[in-house]
Amino acid sequence: MNLQETTLVFKLGEDNNFSDLKITSEVKHFIADLNGVGKDVIESIKDKFFNFDSSISKTNGSFVIVCEFSFDENLTIVPTLQEAYDFIEMEEIERQLEL
């Protein structure tokens, strides 16, 4: 199974929620695309990202946020979707090598 098949990319809906996510058993990596989302909205949901990141890490998955600005040093935030995929790929290699 390739990275595209095991990764779910999602954006905030107009009502600022993620309720329409279609998560399957094959999905283990998540990318939150926050491009175009304001800092005030991100600040109001940042705690949810910490909880989500923690739960994904426990299952040996990856959670990456795509955003044009960094809003927290404890979350993995990259500026482009390609960099998010690259980061996940590097984490998968590290897991396979047990680093």
C-alpha atoms as a PDB file:
ATOM      1  CA  MET A   1       0.000   0.000   0.000  1.00  0.00           C
ATOM      2  CA  ASN A   2       1.447   3.384  -0.928  1.00  0.00           C
ATOM      3  CA  LEU A   3       1.538   6.619   1.028  1.00  0.00           C
ATOM      4  CA  GLN A   4      -1.357   8.161  -0.940  1.00  0.00           C
ATOM      5  CA  GLU A   5      -3.630   5.258   0.043  1.00  0.00           C
ATOM      6  CA  THR A   6      -2.813   5.472   3.758  1.00  0.00           C
ATOM      7  CA  THR A   7      -2.944   9.272   4.082  1.00  0.00           C
ATOM      8  CA  LEU A   8      -6.041  11.408   4.548  1.00  0.00           C
ATOM      9  CA  VAL A   9      -5.800  15.100   3.655  1.00  0.00           C
ATOM     10  CA  PHE A  10      -8.541  17.244   5.142  1.00  0.00           C
ATOM     11  CA  LYS A  11      -9.500  20.911   5.213  1.00  0.00           C
ATOM     12  CA  LEU A  12     -11.665  22.844   7.620  1.00  0.00           C
ATOM     13  CA  GLY A  13     -15.247  23.147   6.477  1.00  0.00           C
ATOM     14  CA  GLU A  14     -17.054  26.462   6.305  1.00  0.00           C
ATOM     15  CA  ASP A  15     -18.395  25.832   9.803  1.00  0.00           C
ATOM     16  CA  ASN A  16     -14.842  25.154  11.090  1.00  0.00           C
ATOM     17  CA  ASN A  17     -15.288  21.460  11.792  1.00  0.00           C
ATOM     18  CA  PHE A  18     -13.989  18.148  10.492  1.00  0.00           C
ATOM     19  CA  SER A  19     -17.188  16.138  10.868  1.00  0.00           C
ATOM     20  CA  ASP A  20     -17.240  14.926   7.260  1.00  0.00           C
ATOM     21  CA  LEU A  21     -14.000  12.925   7.530  1.00  0.00           C
ATOM     22  CA  LYS A  22     -14.176   9.505   5.900  1.00  0.00           C
ATOM     23  CA  ILE A  23     -11.668   7.515   7.942  1.00  0.00           C
ATOM     24  CA  THR A  24     -11.070   3.904   6.940  1.00  0.00           C
ATOM     25  CA  SER A  25      -8.952   1.223   8.555  1.00  0.00           C
ATOM     26  CA  GLU A  26      -6.241   1.749   5.911  1.00  0.00           C
ATOM     27  CA  VAL A  27      -5.729   5.405   6.878  1.00  0.00           C
ATOM     28  CA  LYS A  28      -2.914   5.916   9.380  1.00  0.00           C
ATOM     29  CA  HIS A  29      -1.501   9.306   8.367  1.00  0.00           C
ATOM     30  CA  PHE A  30      -3.333  12.612   8.449  1.00  0.00           C
ATOM     31  CA  ILE A  31      -2.625  15.993   6.898  1.00  0.00           C
ATOM     32  CA  ALA A  32      -4.635  19.025   7.995  1.00  0.00           C
ATOM     33  CA  ASP A  33      -4.552  21.632   5.226  1.00  0.00           C
ATOM     34  CA  LEU A  34      -5.044  24.957   6.993  1.00  0.00           C
ATOM     35  CA  ASN A  35      -4.027  27.233   4.128  1.00  0.00           C
ATOM     36  CA  GLY A  36      -6.376  30.188   4.076  1.00  0.00           C
ATOM     37  CA  VAL A  37      -7.554  29.647   7.663  1.00  0.00           C
ATOM     38  CA  GLY A  38      -7.167  32.660   9.928  1.00  0.00           C
ATOM     39  CA  LYS A  39      -4.983  32.743  13.027  1.00  0.00           C
ATOM     40  CA  ASP A  40      -7.997  33.345  15.265  1.00  0.00           C
ATOM     41  CA  VAL A  41      -9.715  30.174  14.037  1.00  0.00           C
ATOM     42  CA  ILE A  42      -6.522  28.149  14.415  1.00  0.00           C
ATOM     43  CA  GLU A  43      -6.007  29.413  17.954  1.00  0.00           C
ATOM     44  CA  SER A  44      -9.539  28.372  18.863  1.00  0.00           C
ATOM     45  CA  ILE A  45      -8.995  24.752  17.681  1.00  0.00           C
ATOM     46  CA  LYS A  46      -5.289  24.292  18.450  1.00  0.00           C
ATOM     47  CA  ASP A  47      -5.974  22.097  21.502  1.00  0.00           C
ATOM     48  CA  LYS A  48      -7.882  19.644  19.305  1.00  0.00           C
ATOM     49  CA  PHE A  49      -4.750  19.270  17.157  1.00  0.00           C
ATOM     50  CA  PHE A  50      -2.656  18.369  20.222  1.00  0.00           C
ATOM     51  CA  ASN A  51      -5.143  15.671  21.236  1.00  0.00           C
ATOM     52  CA  PHE A  52      -5.387  14.353  17.682  1.00  0.00           C
ATOM     53  CA  ASP A  53      -1.600  14.308  17.263  1.00  0.00           C
ATOM     54  CA  SER A  54      -1.218  12.367  20.491  1.00  0.00           C
ATOM     55  CA  SER A  55      -3.776   9.738  19.509  1.00  0.00           C
ATOM     56  CA  ILE A  56      -2.273   9.301  16.015  1.00  0.00           C
ATOM     57  CA  SER A  57       1.246   8.933  17.445  1.00  0.00           C
ATOM     58  CA  LYS A  58       0.058   6.071  19.667  1.00  0.00           C
ATOM     59  CA  THR A  59      -0.953   4.111  16.552  1.00  0.00           C
ATOM     60  CA  ASN A  60       2.397   4.716  14.772  1.00  0.00           C
ATOM     61  CA  GLY A  61       0.767   7.165  12.400  1.00  0.00           C
ATOM     62  CA  SER A  62       1.722  10.691  11.441  1.00  0.00           C
ATOM     63  CA  PHE A  63      -0.108  13.997  11.717  1.00  0.00           C
ATOM     64  CA  VAL A  64       1.160  16.992   9.764  1.00  0.00           C
ATOM     65  CA  ILE A  65      -0.375  20.450   9.431  1.00  0.00           C
ATOM     66  CA  VAL A  66       0.023  22.494   6.251  1.00  0.00           C
ATOM     67  CA  CYS A  67      -0.111  26.199   7.058  1.00  0.00           C
ATOM     68  CA  GLU A  68       1.529  29.332   5.719  1.00  0.00           C
ATOM     69  CA  PHE A  69       2.577  30.321   9.256  1.00  0.00           C
ATOM     70  CA  SER A  70       3.810  28.385  12.280  1.00  0.00           C
ATOM     71  CA  PHE A  71       1.572  28.612  15.335  1.00  0.00           C
ATOM     72  CA  ASP A  72       3.096  26.042  17.689  1.00  0.00           C
ATOM     73  CA  GLU A  73       6.537  24.454  18.009  1.00  0.00           C
ATOM     74  CA  ASN A  74       5.164  21.152  19.366  1.00  0.00           C
ATOM     75  CA  LEU A  75       3.114  20.372  16.256  1.00  0.00           C
ATOM     76  CA  THR A  76       4.550  19.418  12.870  1.00  0.00           C
ATOM     77  CA  ILE A  77       3.728  22.366  10.612  1.00  0.00           C
ATOM     78  CA  VAL A  78       5.009  22.656   7.044  1.00  0.00           C
ATOM     79  CA  PRO A  79       4.235  25.212   4.317  1.00  0.00           C
ATOM     80  CA  THR A  80       3.220  22.874   1.464  1.00  0.00           C
ATOM     81  CA  LEU A  81       1.313  19.664   0.871  1.00  0.00           C
ATOM     82  CA  GLN A  82       4.362  18.090  -0.803  1.00  0.00           C
ATOM     83  CA  GLU A  83       6.462  18.773   2.296  1.00  0.00           C
ATOM     84  CA  ALA A  84       3.769  17.117   4.421  1.00  0.00           C
ATOM     85  CA  TYR A  85       3.962  13.961   2.294  1.00  0.00           C
ATOM     86  CA  ASP A  86       7.778  14.085   2.436  1.00  0.00           C
ATOM     87  CA  PHE A  87       7.689  14.370   6.232  1.00  0.00           C
ATOM     88  CA  ILE A  88       5.350  11.390   6.541  1.00  0.00           C
ATOM     89  CA  GLU A  89       7.557   9.365   4.215  1.00  0.00           C
ATOM     90  CA  MET A  90      10.622  10.147   6.356  1.00  0.00           C
ATOM     91  CA  GLU A  91       8.759   9.126   9.522  1.00  0.00           C
ATOM     92  CA  GLU A  92       7.737   5.842   7.892  1.00  0.00           C
ATOM     93  CA  ILE A  93      11.379   5.138   6.978  1.00  0.00           C
ATOM     94  CA  GLU A  94      12.453   5.903  10.551  1.00  0.00           C
ATOM     95  CA  ARG A  95       9.805   3.521  11.911  1.00  0.00           C
ATOM     96  CA  GLN A  96      10.930   0.769   9.548  1.00  0.00           C
ATOM     97  CA  LEU A  97      14.546   1.279  10.633  1.00  0.00           C
ATOM     98  CA  GLU A  98      13.383   1.543  14.267  1.00  0.00           C
ATOM     99  CA  LEU A  99      15.176   4.846  14.813  1.00  0.00           C
END
